[in-house]
Amino acid sequence: MGSNFTFIDEYEGEVKRALAKYPEDRKQSAVLPLLDLAQRQIGGYVSDEAIDEISAMLEMPRIRVIEVATFYTMINLKPVGKFLLQCCTTTPCWLRDSSAVVDAIKNHLGIGMGETTDDGVFSLMEVECVGACVNAPVVQINDDLYEDLTPENVIVVLDELRAGGDPAVGSQVGRTSSEPIEGRTTLIEAVE
């Protein structure tokens, strides 16, 4: 297959840095970093042409690149919105009522899981743990984590993003790190 994808300026340097981390006979180990860089250059997903280019660069069968790309949920093989909302719904977030947060997002944006708003601004997906359980519920939006979410404060974040703003990442209730919140049930108390 021919490729009409090429890494451009800022990404080309990152590709060289990724490849330099591995011996020449192990350069295929750079497949995930190259997929991530291609996704960032394209704007949220990896195209067939980018897969072809990565396959050629790494002298790696195309199917092996696709296998890696389909294994990791962080790699998208179809276009997504400007803001990709990855909603954690595993046990710690669920115990903190992530279901209500997800429902608020769906209702506010008018989309379901795996869908993108008509204007292409937001895409919604369900993911397994994003690794911020102590500050549940959590939604990862692009590369940023928004924590301690409620149905109300998640809408504030979405509206600010839509308006071109830059909402504060991290806790949406103003706590530092993972300090206790007065009056809030801990995860241990929630399961007892």
Protein backbone atom coordinates (compact mmCIF):
# COMPACT_ATOMS: atom_id res chain seq x y z
CA MET A 1 0.00 0.00 0.00
CA GLY A 2 1.18 3.49 -0.75
CA SER A 3 1.22 6.16 1.91
CA ASN A 4 0.50 9.85 1.62
CA PHE A 5 1.03 10.50 5.32
CA THR A 6 4.31 12.00 6.48
CA PHE A 7 5.30 13.23 9.90
CA ILE A 8 5.74 17.00 9.74
CA ASP A 9 8.26 19.33 11.41
CA GLU A 10 7.47 19.24 15.14
CA TYR A 11 6.42 15.60 14.99
CA GLU A 12 9.38 14.52 12.89
CA GLY A 13 11.75 15.47 15.70
CA GLU A 14 9.64 13.52 18.21
CA VAL A 15 9.69 10.49 15.90
CA LYS A 16 13.49 10.64 15.78
CA ARG A 17 13.63 10.86 19.58
CA ALA A 18 11.29 7.87 19.94
CA LEU A 19 13.32 5.78 17.49
CA ALA A 20 16.59 6.72 19.20
CA LYS A 21 15.41 5.00 22.40
CA TYR A 22 15.66 1.56 20.77
CA PRO A 23 18.47 -0.35 19.04
CA GLU A 24 18.05 -0.55 15.26
CA ASP A 25 17.07 -4.22 15.45
CA ARG A 26 14.35 -3.34 18.01
CA LYS A 27 12.92 -0.24 16.37
CA GLN A 28 9.49 -1.89 16.17
CA SER A 29 9.28 -1.18 19.90
CA ALA A 30 8.56 2.44 18.93
CA VAL A 31 5.21 1.50 17.37
CA LEU A 32 3.04 2.87 20.19
CA PRO A 33 4.87 6.22 20.48
CA LEU A 34 4.65 6.63 16.68
CA LEU A 35 0.94 5.81 16.69
CA ASP A 36 0.43 8.43 19.40
CA LEU A 37 2.42 11.03 17.46
CA ALA A 38 0.49 10.30 14.26
CA GLN A 39 -2.78 10.63 16.15
CA ARG A 40 -1.72 13.98 17.57
CA GLN A 41 -0.61 15.26 14.15
CA ILE A 42 -3.82 14.16 12.43
CA GLY A 43 -6.03 15.52 15.19
CA GLY A 44 -7.35 12.68 17.30
CA TYR A 45 -7.13 9.50 15.26
CA VAL A 46 -4.72 7.38 13.22
CA SER A 47 -5.52 7.10 9.51
CA ASP A 48 -4.86 4.10 7.28
CA GLU A 49 -2.15 6.14 5.56
CA ALA A 50 -0.43 6.80 8.91
CA ILE A 51 -0.54 3.08 9.69
CA ASP A 52 1.09 2.41 6.32
CA GLU A 53 3.81 4.98 7.00
CA ILE A 54 4.54 3.63 10.48
CA SER A 55 4.62 0.10 9.09
CA ALA A 56 7.17 1.15 6.46
CA MET A 57 9.28 3.19 8.91
CA LEU A 58 9.51 0.33 11.37
CA GLU A 59 9.80 -2.38 8.71
CA MET A 60 6.89 -4.02 10.46
CA PRO A 61 3.93 -5.85 8.92
CA ARG A 62 0.90 -3.58 8.66
CA ILE A 63 -1.23 -6.06 10.59
CA ARG A 64 1.16 -5.82 13.57
CA VAL A 65 0.75 -2.04 13.66
CA ILE A 66 -3.02 -2.49 13.54
CA GLU A 67 -2.85 -5.08 16.32
CA VAL A 68 -1.13 -2.58 18.60
CA ALA A 69 -3.47 0.23 17.56
CA THR A 70 -6.57 -1.84 18.29
CA PHE A 71 -5.27 -3.18 21.60
CA TYR A 72 -4.88 0.24 23.25
CA THR A 73 -8.00 2.34 23.80
CA MET A 74 -5.87 5.47 23.65
CA ILE A 75 -5.45 5.00 19.90
CA ASN A 76 -8.45 5.88 17.76
CA LEU A 77 -8.81 4.50 14.25
CA LYS A 78 -11.67 6.79 13.28
CA PRO A 79 -12.12 10.53 13.65
CA VAL A 80 -13.22 11.87 17.02
CA GLY A 81 -14.37 15.27 18.18
CA LYS A 82 -12.08 18.10 19.15
CA PHE A 83 -12.61 16.99 22.75
CA LEU A 84 -12.62 13.26 23.43
CA LEU A 85 -14.44 12.52 26.68
CA GLN A 86 -13.32 9.22 28.17
CA CYS A 87 -15.68 8.39 31.01
CA CYS A 88 -14.45 5.97 33.63
CA THR A 89 -17.28 3.72 34.80
CA THR A 90 -15.36 1.07 36.73
CA THR A 91 -16.11 0.29 40.36
CA PRO A 92 -14.46 3.25 42.19
CA CYS A 93 -16.05 5.80 39.84
CA TRP A 94 -19.35 3.91 39.83
CA LEU A 95 -19.42 3.94 43.64
CA ARG A 96 -19.10 7.72 43.43
CA ASP A 97 -22.04 7.87 40.97
CA SER A 98 -20.23 8.10 37.65
CA SER A 99 -23.53 6.93 36.13
CA ALA A 100 -25.12 10.28 36.99
CA VAL A 101 -22.12 12.14 35.53
CA VAL A 102 -22.30 10.09 32.31
CA ASP A 103 -26.07 10.65 32.07
CA ALA A 104 -25.56 14.40 32.53
CA ILE A 105 -22.99 14.42 29.72
CA LYS A 106 -25.23 12.40 27.39
CA ASN A 107 -28.23 14.62 28.08
CA HIS A 108 -26.28 17.87 27.79
CA LEU A 109 -24.53 16.93 24.55
CA GLY A 110 -27.33 14.85 23.04
CA ILE A 111 -25.04 11.92 22.22
CA GLY A 112 -24.48 8.39 23.45
CA MET A 113 -21.35 6.35 24.00
CA GLY A 114 -19.26 6.08 20.86
CA GLU A 115 -20.91 9.12 19.27
CA THR A 116 -19.77 12.60 18.32
CA THR A 117 -21.79 15.80 18.47
CA ASP A 118 -23.05 17.06 15.12
CA ASP A 119 -20.66 20.02 15.30
CA GLY A 120 -17.68 17.68 15.81
CA VAL A 121 -16.71 19.27 19.12
CA PHE A 122 -17.27 16.37 21.54
CA SER A 123 -16.93 12.59 21.30
CA LEU A 124 -17.96 10.32 24.16
CA MET A 125 -16.55 6.95 25.10
CA GLU A 126 -16.58 4.65 28.09
CA VAL A 127 -13.21 3.44 29.36
CA GLU A 128 -11.85 1.24 32.05
CA CYS A 129 -9.89 2.86 34.87
CA VAL A 130 -7.94 6.03 34.05
CA GLY A 131 -5.92 5.68 37.25
CA ALA A 132 -7.36 8.47 39.40
CA CYS A 133 -9.70 6.33 41.50
CA VAL A 134 -9.13 8.26 44.69
CA ASN A 135 -10.68 11.35 43.08
CA ALA A 136 -13.62 9.57 41.49
CA PRO A 137 -15.66 10.10 39.46
CA VAL A 138 -13.22 11.02 36.73
CA VAL A 139 -13.46 11.91 33.04
CA GLN A 140 -10.37 12.22 30.88
CA ILE A 141 -10.80 14.91 28.24
CA ASN A 142 -8.05 14.63 25.66
CA ASP A 143 -4.93 14.41 27.85
CA ASP A 144 -6.39 16.01 30.98
CA LEU A 145 -8.17 14.48 33.97
CA TYR A 146 -11.22 16.17 35.47
CA GLU A 147 -11.86 14.75 38.92
CA ASP A 148 -14.44 14.86 41.70
CA LEU A 149 -17.14 15.30 39.11
CA THR A 150 -20.83 15.79 39.70
CA PRO A 151 -23.61 16.08 37.14
CA GLU A 152 -23.50 19.83 37.71
CA ASN A 153 -19.78 20.60 37.58
CA VAL A 154 -19.13 18.39 34.53
CA ILE A 155 -21.58 20.59 32.57
CA VAL A 156 -19.62 23.67 33.65
CA VAL A 157 -16.43 22.06 32.27
CA LEU A 158 -18.12 21.14 28.97
CA ASP A 159 -19.63 24.60 28.51
CA GLU A 160 -16.29 26.25 29.19
CA LEU A 161 -14.56 23.99 26.65
CA ARG A 162 -17.24 24.70 24.03
CA ALA A 163 -16.83 28.45 24.63
CA GLY A 164 -13.08 28.16 23.96
CA GLY A 165 -12.12 28.41 27.61
CA ASP A 166 -9.53 26.47 29.53
CA PRO A 167 -11.22 24.91 32.57
CA ALA A 168 -9.02 23.98 35.49
CA VAL A 169 -7.94 20.35 35.34
CA GLY A 170 -7.92 18.08 38.36
CA SER A 171 -10.37 18.29 41.21
CA GLN A 172 -13.53 20.20 40.39
CA VAL A 173 -14.30 20.75 44.06
CA GLY A 174 -11.05 22.54 44.87
CA ARG A 175 -9.27 19.96 46.92
CA THR A 176 -5.53 19.47 46.79
CA SER A 177 -4.23 16.03 45.82
CA SER A 178 -6.44 13.42 47.47
CA GLU A 179 -7.20 15.10 50.75
CA PRO A 180 -10.49 14.12 52.35
CA ILE A 181 -13.54 16.21 51.68
CA GLU A 182 -15.54 16.95 54.79
CA GLY A 183 -18.86 15.16 54.75
CA ARG A 184 -17.91 12.96 51.80
CA THR A 185 -18.02 9.20 52.18
CA THR A 186 -14.69 7.52 51.52
CA LEU A 187 -14.48 4.64 49.06
CA ILE A 188 -13.86 2.25 51.95
CA GLU A 189 -16.97 3.49 53.74
CA ALA A 190 -18.95 3.23 50.50
CA VAL A 191 -18.24 -0.49 50.14
CA GLU A 192 -18.75 -1.37 53.82
